[in-house]
N, C-alpha and C. Protein backbone atom coordinates (compact mmCIF):
# COMPACT_ATOMS: atom_id res chain seq x y z
N MET A 1 -0.28 11.32 4.56
CA MET A 1 -0.65 10.09 3.90
C MET A 1 -2.15 9.90 4.01
N GLN A 2 -2.67 9.08 3.14
CA GLN A 2 -4.11 8.89 3.10
C GLN A 2 -4.43 7.45 2.72
N LEU A 3 -5.47 6.90 3.36
CA LEU A 3 -5.96 5.57 3.03
C LEU A 3 -7.20 5.73 2.16
N GLN A 4 -7.21 5.08 1.01
CA GLN A 4 -8.35 5.17 0.10
C GLN A 4 -8.93 3.78 -0.15
N LYS A 5 -10.25 3.71 -0.18
CA LYS A 5 -10.96 2.45 -0.47
C LYS A 5 -11.45 2.52 -1.91
N GLN A 6 -11.19 1.46 -2.67
CA GLN A 6 -11.61 1.40 -4.06
C GLN A 6 -12.32 0.08 -4.31
N LEU A 7 -13.27 0.10 -5.22
CA LEU A 7 -13.96 -1.13 -5.59
C LEU A 7 -13.05 -1.92 -6.52
N SER A 8 -12.65 -3.10 -6.08
CA SER A 8 -11.77 -3.95 -6.88
C SER A 8 -12.58 -4.70 -7.93
N ARG A 9 -13.68 -5.29 -7.46
CA ARG A 9 -14.57 -6.00 -8.38
C ARG A 9 -15.91 -6.22 -7.71
N LYS A 10 -16.89 -6.58 -8.53
CA LYS A 10 -18.23 -6.86 -8.02
C LYS A 10 -18.69 -8.14 -8.67
N HIS A 11 -19.20 -9.06 -7.87
CA HIS A 11 -19.71 -10.33 -8.38
C HIS A 11 -21.10 -10.53 -7.81
N LYS A 12 -22.09 -10.56 -8.68
CA LYS A 12 -23.49 -10.61 -8.27
C LYS A 12 -23.77 -9.44 -7.34
N ASP A 13 -24.18 -9.69 -6.10
CA ASP A 13 -24.48 -8.60 -5.17
C ASP A 13 -23.33 -8.32 -4.22
N LYS A 14 -22.20 -8.99 -4.38
CA LYS A 14 -21.09 -8.83 -3.44
C LYS A 14 -20.02 -7.92 -4.04
N GLU A 15 -19.59 -6.93 -3.25
CA GLU A 15 -18.52 -6.03 -3.67
C GLU A 15 -17.23 -6.41 -2.96
N TYR A 16 -16.12 -6.33 -3.67
CA TYR A 16 -14.81 -6.66 -3.12
C TYR A 16 -13.92 -5.42 -3.18
N PRO A 17 -13.71 -4.78 -2.03
CA PRO A 17 -12.88 -3.57 -2.04
C PRO A 17 -11.39 -3.89 -1.96
N LYS A 18 -10.59 -2.91 -2.32
CA LYS A 18 -9.15 -2.96 -2.06
C LYS A 18 -8.78 -1.60 -1.49
N TYR A 19 -7.70 -1.56 -0.79
CA TYR A 19 -7.28 -0.32 -0.14
C TYR A 19 -5.93 0.11 -0.69
N THR A 20 -5.76 1.41 -0.85
CA THR A 20 -4.53 2.00 -1.35
C THR A 20 -4.05 3.03 -0.34
N ILE A 21 -2.77 2.99 -0.01
CA ILE A 21 -2.17 4.00 0.85
C ILE A 21 -1.42 4.97 -0.06
N VAL A 22 -1.78 6.24 0.01
CA VAL A 22 -1.14 7.26 -0.81
C VAL A 22 0.02 7.85 -0.01
N VAL A 23 1.22 7.69 -0.54
CA VAL A 23 2.44 8.19 0.12
C VAL A 23 2.96 9.36 -0.71
N PRO A 24 3.24 10.49 -0.09
CA PRO A 24 3.74 11.65 -0.84
C PRO A 24 5.05 11.33 -1.58
N PRO A 25 5.22 11.89 -2.78
CA PRO A 25 6.42 11.64 -3.57
C PRO A 25 7.72 11.94 -2.83
N LYS A 26 7.72 12.96 -2.01
CA LYS A 26 8.91 13.34 -1.26
C LYS A 26 9.38 12.18 -0.35
N GLU A 27 8.42 11.50 0.28
CA GLU A 27 8.75 10.37 1.15
C GLU A 27 9.27 9.18 0.34
N ILE A 28 8.68 8.96 -0.83
CA ILE A 28 9.13 7.87 -1.72
C ILE A 28 10.57 8.12 -2.15
N GLU A 29 10.89 9.36 -2.49
CA GLU A 29 12.26 9.71 -2.90
C GLU A 29 13.24 9.48 -1.76
N LYS A 30 12.88 9.88 -0.54
CA LYS A 30 13.76 9.69 0.62
C LYS A 30 14.08 8.21 0.83
N LEU A 31 13.10 7.35 0.55
CA LEU A 31 13.28 5.91 0.74
C LEU A 31 14.02 5.27 -0.44
N GLY A 32 14.11 5.98 -1.56
CA GLY A 32 14.76 5.42 -2.73
C GLY A 32 13.89 4.40 -3.46
N TRP A 33 12.58 4.44 -3.21
CA TRP A 33 11.66 3.52 -3.86
C TRP A 33 11.33 4.00 -5.26
N LYS A 34 11.04 3.04 -6.14
CA LYS A 34 10.65 3.34 -7.52
C LYS A 34 9.33 2.63 -7.81
N GLU A 35 8.60 3.14 -8.79
CA GLU A 35 7.35 2.51 -9.21
C GLU A 35 7.64 1.06 -9.61
N GLY A 36 6.82 0.14 -9.13
CA GLY A 36 7.00 -1.27 -9.45
C GLY A 36 7.81 -2.04 -8.42
N ASP A 37 8.48 -1.34 -7.49
CA ASP A 37 9.23 -2.03 -6.42
C ASP A 37 8.28 -2.91 -5.62
N GLU A 38 8.75 -4.09 -5.25
CA GLU A 38 7.95 -4.97 -4.39
C GLU A 38 8.15 -4.55 -2.95
N LEU A 39 7.03 -4.45 -2.23
CA LEU A 39 7.07 -4.04 -0.84
C LEU A 39 6.54 -5.16 0.04
N GLU A 40 7.04 -5.21 1.26
CA GLU A 40 6.66 -6.27 2.20
C GLU A 40 6.04 -5.64 3.45
N PRO A 41 4.77 -5.99 3.74
CA PRO A 41 4.12 -5.45 4.93
C PRO A 41 4.42 -6.29 6.17
N GLU A 42 4.45 -5.62 7.32
CA GLU A 42 4.62 -6.31 8.60
C GLU A 42 3.77 -5.55 9.61
N ILE A 43 2.99 -6.28 10.41
CA ILE A 43 2.21 -5.65 11.47
C ILE A 43 2.89 -5.97 12.78
N LYS A 44 3.23 -4.92 13.53
CA LYS A 44 3.95 -5.08 14.78
C LYS A 44 3.41 -4.06 15.78
N ASP A 45 2.95 -4.56 16.92
CA ASP A 45 2.43 -3.68 17.97
C ASP A 45 1.41 -2.68 17.43
N ASP A 46 0.44 -3.17 16.67
CA ASP A 46 -0.64 -2.32 16.16
C ASP A 46 -0.16 -1.28 15.14
N LYS A 47 0.99 -1.53 14.51
CA LYS A 47 1.53 -0.61 13.51
C LYS A 47 1.80 -1.37 12.22
N LEU A 48 1.60 -0.70 11.11
CA LEU A 48 1.92 -1.27 9.80
C LEU A 48 3.29 -0.76 9.38
N ILE A 49 4.21 -1.68 9.15
CA ILE A 49 5.56 -1.35 8.70
C ILE A 49 5.69 -1.86 7.27
N ILE A 50 6.08 -0.99 6.36
CA ILE A 50 6.23 -1.36 4.96
C ILE A 50 7.70 -1.25 4.59
N LYS A 51 8.27 -2.37 4.13
CA LYS A 51 9.69 -2.41 3.77
C LYS A 51 9.83 -2.80 2.30
N SER A 52 10.88 -2.32 1.69
CA SER A 52 11.20 -2.72 0.33
C SER A 52 11.78 -4.13 0.36
N LYS A 53 11.44 -4.94 -0.65
CA LYS A 53 12.00 -6.29 -0.74
C LYS A 53 13.38 -6.29 -1.38
N LYS A 54 13.82 -5.13 -1.95
CA LYS A 54 15.16 -5.05 -2.56
C LYS A 54 16.21 -5.23 -1.48
N LYS A 55 17.33 -5.79 -1.87
CA LYS A 55 18.41 -5.98 -0.90
C LYS A 55 19.61 -5.20 -1.32
């Protein structure tokens, strides 16, 4: 996996970045996730946990 920083927007002299986590397709398939699925982040004990909002 990889964390990428991208420029979201720039206003006057201020830049606003956003971050993207690149997850390999094989892992996405194992999870049963699809493009457009809503994901829910949780930070626990210095770890980022990402869960699908589907029930």
